[in-house]
Amino acid sequence: MSLTSQELAAVAAELSTTLRGAVVQKAFSPLAALAYLELRVPGASLWLCLSAEPAVGRISLSDGRLPTPGDPHPLQRWMRQELTGLAVVGARSQERTVV
């Protein structure tokens, strides 16, 4: 079951505080609707898991990531091109999405 609007808002608020200023180091997409961002904060690396799987969509911090099998998914290439080196400025929920 996906997160409710209230749960998503709570997660976004916590992630905004935890990840503000974190820099995207790497991006991985082992499945078409699953992605991980390796984020660097002073003294640590964190994994942000982004799932858009139907009925089980999630955003959360993770202990690690699933390996990327074979050739990378096009989403992985796009995320690496567009997101690597950028800093997180915050997170908020808007109409059941996190922006």
PDB file of N, CA and C in Angstrom:
ATOM      1  N   MET A   1       0.834  -1.163   0.000  1.00  0.00           N
ATOM      2  CA  MET A   1       0.000   0.000   0.000  1.00  0.00           C
ATOM      3  C   MET A   1       0.893   1.245   0.000  1.00  0.00           C
ATOM      4  N   SER A   2       0.571   2.222  -0.814  1.00  0.00           N
ATOM      5  CA  SER A   2       1.332   3.465  -0.883  1.00  0.00           C
ATOM      6  C   SER A   2       1.106   4.309   0.364  1.00  0.00           C
ATOM      7  N   LEU A   3       1.956   5.276   0.556  1.00  0.00           N
ATOM      8  CA  LEU A   3       1.823   6.187   1.683  1.00  0.00           C
ATOM      9  C   LEU A   3       0.589   7.068   1.514  1.00  0.00           C
ATOM     10  N   THR A   4      -0.052   7.389   2.627  1.00  0.00           N
ATOM     11  CA  THR A   4      -1.162   8.333   2.590  1.00  0.00           C
ATOM     12  C   THR A   4      -0.598   9.749   2.429  1.00  0.00           C
ATOM     13  N   SER A   5      -1.463  10.694   2.150  1.00  0.00           N
ATOM     14  CA  SER A   5      -1.026  12.092   2.019  1.00  0.00           C
ATOM     15  C   SER A   5      -0.364  12.591   3.297  1.00  0.00           C
ATOM     16  N   GLN A   6      -0.931  12.236   4.442  1.00  0.00           N
ATOM     17  CA  GLN A   6      -0.379  12.668   5.724  1.00  0.00           C
ATOM     18  C   GLN A   6       0.984  12.018   5.980  1.00  0.00           C
ATOM     19  N   GLU A   7       1.105  10.728   5.684  1.00  0.00           N
ATOM     20  CA  GLU A   7       2.388  10.037   5.858  1.00  0.00           C
ATOM     21  C   GLU A   7       3.444  10.631   4.939  1.00  0.00           C
ATOM     22  N   LEU A   8       3.062  10.905   3.711  1.00  0.00           N
ATOM     23  CA  LEU A   8       3.995  11.475   2.750  1.00  0.00           C
ATOM     24  C   LEU A   8       4.469  12.856   3.198  1.00  0.00           C
ATOM     25  N   ALA A   9       3.557  13.663   3.737  1.00  0.00           N
ATOM     26  CA  ALA A   9       3.928  14.986   4.244  1.00  0.00           C
ATOM     27  C   ALA A   9       4.908  14.871   5.403  1.00  0.00           C
ATOM     28  N   ALA A  10       4.687  13.915   6.301  1.00  0.00           N
ATOM     29  CA  ALA A  10       5.582  13.713   7.442  1.00  0.00           C
ATOM     30  C   ALA A  10       6.966  13.259   6.984  1.00  0.00           C
ATOM     31  N   VAL A  11       7.002  12.342   6.027  1.00  0.00           N
ATOM     32  CA  VAL A  11       8.285  11.861   5.495  1.00  0.00           C
ATOM     33  C   VAL A  11       9.020  13.004   4.806  1.00  0.00           C
ATOM     34  N   ALA A  12       8.316  13.786   3.994  1.00  0.00           N
ATOM     35  CA  ALA A  12       8.944  14.907   3.291  1.00  0.00           C
ATOM     36  C   ALA A  12       9.524  15.916   4.282  1.00  0.00           C
ATOM     37  N   ALA A  13       8.804  16.215   5.348  1.00  0.00           N
ATOM     38  CA  ALA A  13       9.297  17.159   6.352  1.00  0.00           C
ATOM     39  C   ALA A  13      10.564  16.640   7.017  1.00  0.00           C
ATOM     40  N   GLU A  14      10.578  15.357   7.359  1.00  0.00           N
ATOM     41  CA  GLU A  14      11.766  14.781   7.995  1.00  0.00           C
ATOM     42  C   GLU A  14      12.945  14.747   7.029  1.00  0.00           C
ATOM     43  N   LEU A  15      12.694  14.342   5.782  1.00  0.00           N
ATOM     44  CA  LEU A  15      13.770  14.301   4.789  1.00  0.00           C
ATOM     45  C   LEU A  15      14.309  15.695   4.502  1.00  0.00           C
ATOM     46  N   SER A  16      13.444  16.690   4.491  1.00  0.00           N
ATOM     47  CA  SER A  16      13.883  18.052   4.242  1.00  0.00           C
ATOM     48  C   SER A  16      14.909  18.489   5.274  1.00  0.00           C
ATOM     49  N   THR A  17      14.636  18.168   6.522  1.00  0.00           N
ATOM     50  CA  THR A  17      15.562  18.516   7.602  1.00  0.00           C
ATOM     51  C   THR A  17      16.849  17.697   7.515  1.00  0.00           C
ATOM     52  N   THR A  18      16.710  16.404   7.311  1.00  0.00           N
ATOM     53  CA  THR A  18      17.863  15.500   7.299  1.00  0.00           C
ATOM     54  C   THR A  18      18.774  15.720   6.096  1.00  0.00           C
ATOM     55  N   LEU A  19      18.178  15.991   4.930  1.00  0.00           N
ATOM     56  CA  LEU A  19      18.954  16.020   3.684  1.00  0.00           C
ATOM     57  C   LEU A  19      19.304  17.409   3.175  1.00  0.00           C
ATOM     58  N   ARG A  20      18.828  18.459   3.836  1.00  0.00           N
ATOM     59  CA  ARG A  20      19.122  19.810   3.344  1.00  0.00           C
ATOM     60  C   ARG A  20      20.627  20.007   3.237  1.00  0.00           C
ATOM     61  N   GLY A  21      21.085  20.378   2.050  1.00  0.00           N
ATOM     62  CA  GLY A  21      22.505  20.591   1.800  1.00  0.00           C
ATOM     63  C   GLY A  21      23.255  19.358   1.331  1.00  0.00           C
ATOM     64  N   ALA A  22      22.622  18.181   1.386  1.00  0.00           N
ATOM     65  CA  ALA A  22      23.279  16.950   0.915  1.00  0.00           C
ATOM     66  C   ALA A  22      23.530  17.051  -0.589  1.00  0.00           C
ATOM     67  N   VAL A  23      24.639  16.515  -1.032  1.00  0.00           N
ATOM     68  CA  VAL A  23      25.014  16.572  -2.442  1.00  0.00           C
ATOM     69  C   VAL A  23      24.848  15.194  -3.073  1.00  0.00           C
ATOM     70  N   VAL A  24      24.236  15.156  -4.249  1.00  0.00           N
ATOM     71  CA  VAL A  24      24.046  13.899  -4.974  1.00  0.00           C
ATOM     72  C   VAL A  24      25.401  13.451  -5.524  1.00  0.00           C
ATOM     73  N   GLN A  25      25.849  12.272  -5.085  1.00  0.00           N
ATOM     74  CA  GLN A  25      27.122  11.715  -5.538  1.00  0.00           C
ATOM     75  C   GLN A  25      26.927  10.761  -6.711  1.00  0.00           C
ATOM     76  N   LYS A  26      25.924   9.895  -6.592  1.00  0.00           N
ATOM     77  CA  LYS A  26      25.665   8.885  -7.621  1.00  0.00           C
ATOM     78  C   LYS A  26      24.167   8.626  -7.689  1.00  0.00           C
ATOM     79  N   ALA A  27      23.738   8.045  -8.794  1.00  0.00           N
ATOM     80  CA  ALA A  27      22.336   7.676  -8.970  1.00  0.00           C
ATOM     81  C   ALA A  27      22.281   6.283  -9.587  1.00  0.00           C
ATOM     82  N   PHE A  28      21.338   5.486  -9.123  1.00  0.00           N
ATOM     83  CA  PHE A  28      21.163   4.125  -9.613  1.00  0.00           C
ATOM     84  C   PHE A  28      19.684   3.857  -9.844  1.00  0.00           C
ATOM     85  N   SER A  29      19.388   3.079 -10.872  1.00  0.00           N
ATOM     86  CA  SER A  29      18.006   2.677 -11.141  1.00  0.00           C
ATOM     87  C   SER A  29      17.998   1.204 -11.537  1.00  0.00           C
ATOM     88  N   PRO A  30      17.910   0.302 -10.546  1.00  0.00           N
ATOM     89  CA  PRO A  30      17.934  -1.121 -10.855  1.00  0.00           C
ATOM     90  C   PRO A  30      16.667  -1.615 -11.546  1.00  0.00           C
ATOM     91  N   LEU A  31      15.566  -0.896 -11.382  1.00  0.00           N
ATOM     92  CA  LEU A  31      14.292  -1.239 -12.019  1.00  0.00           C
ATOM     93  C   LEU A  31      13.686   0.033 -12.597  1.00  0.00           C
ATOM     94  N   ALA A  32      12.758  -0.122 -13.516  1.00  0.00           N
ATOM     95  CA  ALA A  32      12.163   1.039 -14.192  1.00  0.00           C
ATOM     96  C   ALA A  32      11.506   2.017 -13.231  1.00  0.00           C
ATOM     97  N   ALA A  33      10.941   1.549 -12.141  1.00  0.00           N
ATOM     98  CA  ALA A  33      10.228   2.421 -11.211  1.00  0.00           C
ATOM     99  C   ALA A  33      10.898   2.498  -9.843  1.00  0.00           C
ATOM    100  N   LEU A  34      12.197   2.200  -9.802  1.00  0.00           N
ATOM    101  CA  LEU A  34      12.934   2.227  -8.538  1.00  0.00           C
ATOM    102  C   LEU A  34      14.272   2.912  -8.759  1.00  0.00           C
ATOM    103  N   ALA A  35      14.571   3.878  -7.892  1.00  0.00           N
ATOM    104  CA  ALA A  35      15.834   4.602  -8.026  1.00  0.00           C
ATOM    105  C   ALA A  35      16.428   4.857  -6.646  1.00  0.00           C
ATOM    106  N   TYR A  36      17.732   4.981  -6.623  1.00  0.00           N
ATOM    107  CA  TYR A  36      18.457   5.315  -5.406  1.00  0.00           C
ATOM    108  C   TYR A  36      19.394   6.470  -5.713  1.00  0.00           C
ATOM    109  N   LEU A  37      19.459   7.424  -4.800  1.00  0.00           N
ATOM    110  CA  LEU A  37      20.439   8.494  -4.892  1.00  0.00           C
ATOM    111  C   LEU A  37      21.399   8.344  -3.726  1.00  0.00           C
ATOM    112  N   GLU A  38      22.696   8.321  -4.023  1.00  0.00           N
ATOM    113  CA  GLU A  38      23.702   8.340  -2.962  1.00  0.00           C
ATOM    114  C   GLU A  38      23.982   9.806  -2.667  1.00  0.00           C
ATOM    115  N   LEU A  39      23.692  10.215  -1.442  1.00  0.00           N
ATOM    116  CA  LEU A  39      23.826  11.600  -1.034  1.00  0.00           C
ATOM    117  C   LEU A  39      24.932  11.729  -0.004  1.00  0.00           C
ATOM    118  N   ARG A  40      25.695  12.797  -0.102  1.00  0.00           N
ATOM    119  CA  ARG A  40      26.789  13.031   0.844  1.00  0.00           C
ATOM    120  C   ARG A  40      26.429  14.197   1.753  1.00  0.00           C
ATOM    121  N   VAL A  41      26.476  13.934   3.044  1.00  0.00           N
ATOM    122  CA  VAL A  41      26.355  14.968   4.067  1.00  0.00           C
ATOM    123  C   VAL A  41      27.675  14.963   4.819  1.00  0.00           C
ATOM    124  N   PRO A  42      27.999  16.043   5.535  1.00  0.00           N
ATOM    125  CA  PRO A  42      29.286  16.036   6.243  1.00  0.00           C
ATOM    126  C   PRO A  42      29.460  14.792   7.111  1.00  0.00           C
ATOM    127  N   GLY A  43      30.488  14.027   6.798  1.00  0.00           N
ATOM    128  CA  GLY A  43      30.831  12.851   7.589  1.00  0.00           C
ATOM    129  C   GLY A  43      30.107  11.567   7.253  1.00  0.00           C
ATOM    130  N   ALA A  44      29.205  11.573   6.268  1.00  0.00           N
ATOM    131  CA  ALA A  44      28.451  10.350   5.977  1.00  0.00           C
ATOM    132  C   ALA A  44      27.882  10.357   4.560  1.00  0.00           C
ATOM    133  N   SER A  45      27.622   9.156   4.071  1.00  0.00           N
ATOM    134  CA  SER A  45      26.881   8.977   2.831  1.00  0.00           C
ATOM    135  C   SER A  45      25.540   8.352   3.181  1.00  0.00           C
ATOM    136  N   LEU A  46      24.480   8.818   2.542  1.00  0.00           N
ATOM    137  CA  LEU A  46      23.135   8.317   2.778  1.00  0.00           C
ATOM    138  C   LEU A  46      22.541   7.842   1.461  1.00  0.00           C
ATOM    139  N   TRP A  47      21.650   6.865   1.535  1.00  0.00           N
ATOM    140  CA  TRP A  47      20.944   6.360   0.355  1.00  0.00           C
ATOM    141  C   TRP A  47      19.486   6.784   0.426  1.00  0.00           C
ATOM    142  N   LEU A  48      19.025   7.508  -0.584  1.00  0.00           N
ATOM    143  CA  LEU A  48      17.616   7.878  -0.683  1.00  0.00           C
ATOM    144  C   LEU A  48      16.961   6.951  -1.696  1.00  0.00           C
ATOM    145  N   CYS A  49      15.960   6.219  -1.246  1.00  0.00           N
ATOM    146  CA  CYS A  49      15.241   5.270  -2.095  1.00  0.00           C
ATOM    147  C   CYS A  49      13.969   5.947  -2.603  1.00  0.00           C
ATOM    148  N   LEU A  50      13.774   5.906  -3.916  1.00  0.00           N
ATOM    149  CA  LEU A  50      12.604   6.494  -4.572  1.00  0.00           C
ATOM    150  C   LEU A  50      11.893   5.396  -5.341  1.00  0.00           C
ATOM    151  N   SER A  51      10.695   5.035  -4.915  1.00  0.00           N
ATOM    152  CA  SER A  51       9.946   3.980  -5.587  1.00  0.00           C
ATOM    153  C   SER A  51       8.642   4.539  -6.137  1.00  0.00           C
ATOM    154  N   ALA A  52       8.411   4.302  -7.416  1.00  0.00           N
ATOM    155  CA  ALA A  52       7.148   4.695  -8.056  1.00  0.00           C
ATOM    156  C   ALA A  52       6.368   3.454  -8.471  1.00  0.00           C
ATOM    157  N   GLU A  53       6.658   2.337  -7.815  1.00  0.00           N
ATOM    158  CA  GLU A  53       5.942   1.103  -8.113  1.00  0.00           C
ATOM    159  C   GLU A  53       4.460   1.282  -7.778  1.00  0.00           C
ATOM    160  N   PRO A  54       3.565   0.854  -8.668  1.00  0.00           N
ATOM    161  CA  PRO A  54       2.128   0.990  -8.401  1.00  0.00           C
ATOM    162  C   PRO A  54       1.746   0.339  -7.068  1.00  0.00           C
ATOM    163  N   ALA A  55       0.972   1.055  -6.303  1.00  0.00           N
ATOM    164  CA  ALA A  55       0.432   0.607  -5.017  1.00  0.00           C
ATOM    165  C   ALA A  55       1.464   0.480  -3.902  1.00  0.00           C
ATOM    166  N   VAL A  56       2.741   0.659  -4.173  1.00  0.00           N
ATOM    167  CA  VAL A  56       3.756   0.582  -3.120  1.00  0.00           C
ATOM    168  C   VAL A  56       4.780   1.713  -3.248  1.00  0.00           C
ATOM    169  N   GLY A  57       4.369   2.845  -3.779  1.00  0.00           N
ATOM    170  CA  GLY A  57       5.276   3.977  -3.929  1.00  0.00           C
ATOM    171  C   GLY A  57       5.833   4.416  -2.588  1.00  0.00           C
ATOM    172  N   ARG A  58       7.096   4.736  -2.560  1.00  0.00           N
ATOM    173  CA  ARG A  58       7.765   5.108  -1.316  1.00  0.00           C
ATOM    174  C   ARG A  58       8.885   6.099  -1.592  1.00  0.00           C
ATOM    175  N   ILE A  59       9.226   6.858  -0.566  1.00  0.00           N
ATOM    176  CA  ILE A  59      10.456   7.633  -0.527  1.00  0.00           C
ATOM    177  C   ILE A  59      10.990   7.481   0.887  1.00  0.00           C
ATOM    178  N   SER A  60      12.239   7.077   1.007  1.00  0.00           N
ATOM    179  CA  SER A  60      12.793   6.833   2.336  1.00  0.00           C
ATOM    180  C   SER A  60      14.305   6.754   2.265  1.00  0.00           C
ATOM    181  N   LEU A  61      14.934   6.853   3.422  1.00  0.00           N
ATOM    182  CA  LEU A  61      16.358   6.562   3.503  1.00  0.00           C
ATOM    183  C   LEU A  61      16.508   5.056   3.596  1.00  0.00           C
ATOM    184  N   SER A  62      17.592   4.533   3.041  1.00  0.00           N
ATOM    185  CA  SER A  62      17.812   3.098   2.978  1.00  0.00           C
ATOM    186  C   SER A  62      19.214   2.776   3.485  1.00  0.00           C
ATOM    187  N   ASP A  63      19.404   1.540   3.921  1.00  0.00           N
ATOM    188  CA  ASP A  63      20.728   1.090   4.357  1.00  0.00           C
ATOM    189  C   ASP A  63      21.665   0.828   3.184  1.00  0.00           C
ATOM    190  N   GLY A  64      21.122   0.706   1.998  1.00  0.00           N
ATOM    191  CA  GLY A  64      21.915   0.423   0.806  1.00  0.00           C
ATOM    192  C   GLY A  64      21.002   0.438  -0.394  1.00  0.00           C
ATOM    193  N   ARG A  65      21.444  -0.228  -1.457  1.00  0.00           N
ATOM    194  CA  ARG A  65      20.651  -0.249  -2.679  1.00  0.00           C
ATOM    195  C   ARG A  65      20.699  -1.626  -3.308  1.00  0.00           C
ATOM    196  N   LEU A  66      19.729  -1.889  -4.175  1.00  0.00           N
ATOM    197  CA  LEU A  66      19.764  -3.106  -4.976  1.00  0.00           C
ATOM    198  C   LEU A  66      20.808  -2.925  -6.074  1.00  0.00           C
ATOM    199  N   PRO A  67      21.490  -3.977  -6.474  1.00  0.00           N
ATOM    200  CA  PRO A  67      22.449  -3.844  -7.573  1.00  0.00           C
ATOM    201  C   PRO A  67      21.727  -3.589  -8.890  1.00  0.00           C
ATOM    202  N   THR A  68      22.404  -2.879  -9.781  1.00  0.00           N
ATOM    203  CA  THR A  68      21.860  -2.621 -11.112  1.00  0.00           C
ATOM    204  C   THR A  68      22.247  -3.787 -12.012  1.00  0.00           C
ATOM    205  N   PRO A  69      21.263  -4.565 -12.474  1.00  0.00           N
ATOM    206  CA  PRO A  69      21.587  -5.721 -13.307  1.00  0.00           C
ATOM    207  C   PRO A  69      21.841  -5.293 -14.759  1.00  0.00           C
ATOM    208  N   GLY A  70      22.890  -5.827 -15.348  1.00  0.00           N
ATOM    209  CA  GLY A  70      23.157  -5.589 -16.779  1.00  0.00           C
ATOM    210  C   GLY A  70      23.297  -4.121 -17.119  1.00  0.00           C
ATOM    211  N   ASP A  71      22.774  -3.754 -18.292  1.00  0.00           N
ATOM    212  CA  ASP A  71      22.846  -2.373 -18.747  1.00  0.00           C
ATOM    213  C   ASP A  71      21.963  -1.488 -17.873  1.00  0.00           C
ATOM    214  N   PRO A  72      22.439  -0.279 -17.582  1.00  0.00           N
ATOM    215  CA  PRO A  72      21.630   0.607 -16.753  1.00  0.00           C
ATOM    216  C   PRO A  72      20.349   1.035 -17.465  1.00  0.00           C
ATOM    217  N   HIS A  73      19.308   1.230 -16.679  1.00  0.00           N
ATOM    218  CA  HIS A  73      18.034   1.722 -17.189  1.00  0.00           C
ATOM    219  C   HIS A  73      18.240   3.167 -17.662  1.00  0.00           C
ATOM    220  N   PRO A  74      17.543   3.614 -18.696  1.00  0.00           N
ATOM    221  CA  PRO A  74      17.692   5.006 -19.162  1.00  0.00           C
ATOM    222  C   PRO A  74      17.482   6.038 -18.056  1.00  0.00           C
ATOM    223  N   LEU A  75      16.624   5.736 -17.084  1.00  0.00           N
ATOM    224  CA  LEU A  75      16.422   6.656 -15.966  1.00  0.00           C
ATOM    225  C   LEU A  75      17.721   6.878 -15.214  1.00  0.00           C
ATOM    226  N   GLN A  76      18.519   5.830 -15.056  1.00  0.00           N
ATOM    227  CA  GLN A  76      19.791   5.957 -14.347  1.00  0.00           C
ATOM    228  C   GLN A  76      20.716   6.915 -15.078  1.00  0.00           C
ATOM    229  N   ARG A  77      20.822   6.773 -16.386  1.00  0.00           N
ATOM    230  CA  ARG A  77      21.682   7.670 -17.160  1.00  0.00           C
ATOM    231  C   ARG A  77      21.203   9.115 -17.028  1.00  0.00           C
ATOM    232  N   TRP A  78      19.876   9.313 -17.118  1.00  0.00           N
ATOM    233  CA  TRP A  78      19.332  10.659 -17.010  1.00  0.00           C
ATOM    234  C   TRP A  78      19.617  11.250 -15.632  1.00  0.00           C
ATOM    235  N   MET A  79      19.374  10.465 -14.568  1.00  0.00           N
ATOM    236  CA  MET A  79      19.609  10.961 -13.216  1.00  0.00           C
ATOM    237  C   MET A  79      21.069  11.326 -13.011  1.00  0.00           C
ATOM    238  N   ARG A  80      21.966  10.511 -13.523  1.00  0.00           N
ATOM    239  CA  ARG A  80      23.390  10.810 -13.362  1.00  0.00           C
ATOM    240  C   ARG A  80      23.766  12.095 -14.086  1.00  0.00           C
ATOM    241  N   GLN A  81      23.221  12.294 -15.280  1.00  0.00           N
ATOM    242  CA  GLN A  81      23.517  13.510 -16.044  1.00  0.00           C
ATOM    243  C   GLN A  81      22.956  14.752 -15.364  1.00  0.00           C
ATOM    244  N   GLU A  82      21.729  14.654 -14.888  1.00  0.00           N
ATOM    245  CA  GLU A  82      21.017  15.827 -14.395  1.00  0.00           C
ATOM    246  C   GLU A  82      21.180  16.114 -12.901  1.00  0.00           C
ATOM    247  N   LEU A  83      21.438  15.102 -12.095  1.00  0.00           N
ATOM    248  CA  LEU A  83      21.405  15.287 -10.653  1.00  0.00           C
ATOM    249  C   LEU A  83      22.761  15.256  -9.959  1.00  0.00           C
ATOM    250  N   THR A  84      23.742  14.561 -10.535  1.00  0.00           N
ATOM    251  CA  THR A  84      25.041  14.438  -9.883  1.00  0.00           C
ATOM    252  C   THR A  84      25.652  15.821  -9.647  1.00  0.00           C
ATOM    253  N   GLY A  85      26.044  16.039  -8.417  1.00  0.00           N
ATOM    254  CA  GLY A  85      26.667  17.304  -8.039  1.00  0.00           C
ATOM    255  C   GLY A  85      25.703  18.344  -7.494  1.00  0.00           C
ATOM    256  N   LEU A  86      24.407  18.118  -7.638  1.00  0.00           N
ATOM    257  CA  LEU A  86      23.425  19.077  -7.120  1.00  0.00           C
ATOM    258  C   LEU A  86      23.206  18.874  -5.631  1.00  0.00           C
ATOM    259  N   ALA A  87      22.845  19.950  -4.947  1.00  0.00           N
ATOM    260  CA  ALA A  87      22.564  19.894  -3.517  1.00  0.00           C
ATOM    261  C   ALA A  87      21.056  19.899  -3.286  1.00  0.00           C
ATOM    262  N   VAL A  88      20.642  19.177  -2.267  1.00  0.00           N
ATOM    263  CA  VAL A  88      19.233  19.152  -1.869  1.00  0.00           C
ATOM    264  C   VAL A  88      18.926  20.465  -1.138  1.00  0.00           C
ATOM    265  N   VAL A  89      17.888  21.159  -1.567  1.00  0.00           N
ATOM    266  CA  VAL A  89      17.499  22.407  -0.902  1.00  0.00           C
ATOM    267  C   VAL A  89      16.325  22.190   0.047  1.00  0.00           C
ATOM    268  N   GLY A  90      15.651  21.057  -0.066  1.00  0.00           N
ATOM    269  CA  GLY A  90      14.540  20.743   0.810  1.00  0.00           C
ATOM    270  C   GLY A  90      13.623  19.736   0.144  1.00  0.00           C
ATOM    271  N   ALA A  91      12.577  19.370   0.857  1.00  0.00           N
ATOM    272  CA  ALA A  91      11.566  18.447   0.327  1.00  0.00           C
ATOM    273  C   ALA A  91      10.227  18.843   0.912  1.00  0.00           C
ATOM    274  N   ARG A  92       9.189  18.745   0.111  1.00  0.00           N
ATOM    275  CA  ARG A  92       7.836  19.005   0.596  1.00  0.00           C
ATOM    276  C   ARG A  92       6.885  18.149  -0.202  1.00  0.00           C
ATOM    277  N   SER A  93       5.756  17.846   0.380  1.00  0.00           N
ATOM    278  CA  SER A  93       4.765  17.054  -0.346  1.00  0.00           C
ATOM    279  C   SER A  93       3.754  17.989  -0.995  1.00  0.00           C
ATOM    280  N   GLN A  94       3.298  17.573  -2.145  1.00  0.00           N
ATOM    281  CA  GLN A  94       2.308  18.355  -2.898  1.00  0.00           C
ATOM    282  C   GLN A  94       1.456  17.382  -3.696  1.00  0.00           C
ATOM    283  N   GLU A  95       0.204  17.276  -3.347  1.00  0.00           N
ATOM    284  CA  GLU A  95      -0.723  16.404  -4.056  1.00  0.00           C
ATOM    285  C   GLU A  95      -0.172  14.983  -4.219  1.00  0.00           C
ATOM    286  N   ARG A  96       0.228  14.378  -3.111  1.00  0.00           N
ATOM    287  CA  ARG A  96       0.720  12.991  -3.054  1.00  0.00           C
ATOM    288  C   ARG A  96       2.021  12.792  -3.804  1.00  0.00           C
ATOM    289  N   THR A  97       2.796  13.841  -4.021  1.00  0.00           N
ATOM    290  CA  THR A  97       4.140  13.733  -4.580  1.00  0.00           C
ATOM    291  C   THR A  97       5.090  14.512  -3.686  1.00  0.00           C
ATOM    292  N   VAL A  98       6.367  14.198  -3.768  1.00  0.00           N
ATOM    293  CA  VAL A  98       7.370  14.936  -3.026  1.00  0.00           C
ATOM    294  C   VAL A  98       8.189  15.716  -4.033  1.00  0.00           C
ATOM    295  N   VAL A  99       8.298  17.015  -3.800  1.00  0.00           N
ATOM    296  CA  VAL A  99       9.070  17.894  -4.695  1.00  0.00           C
ATOM    297  C   VAL A  99      10.166  18.578  -3.912  1.00  0.00           C
TER     298      VAL A  99
END
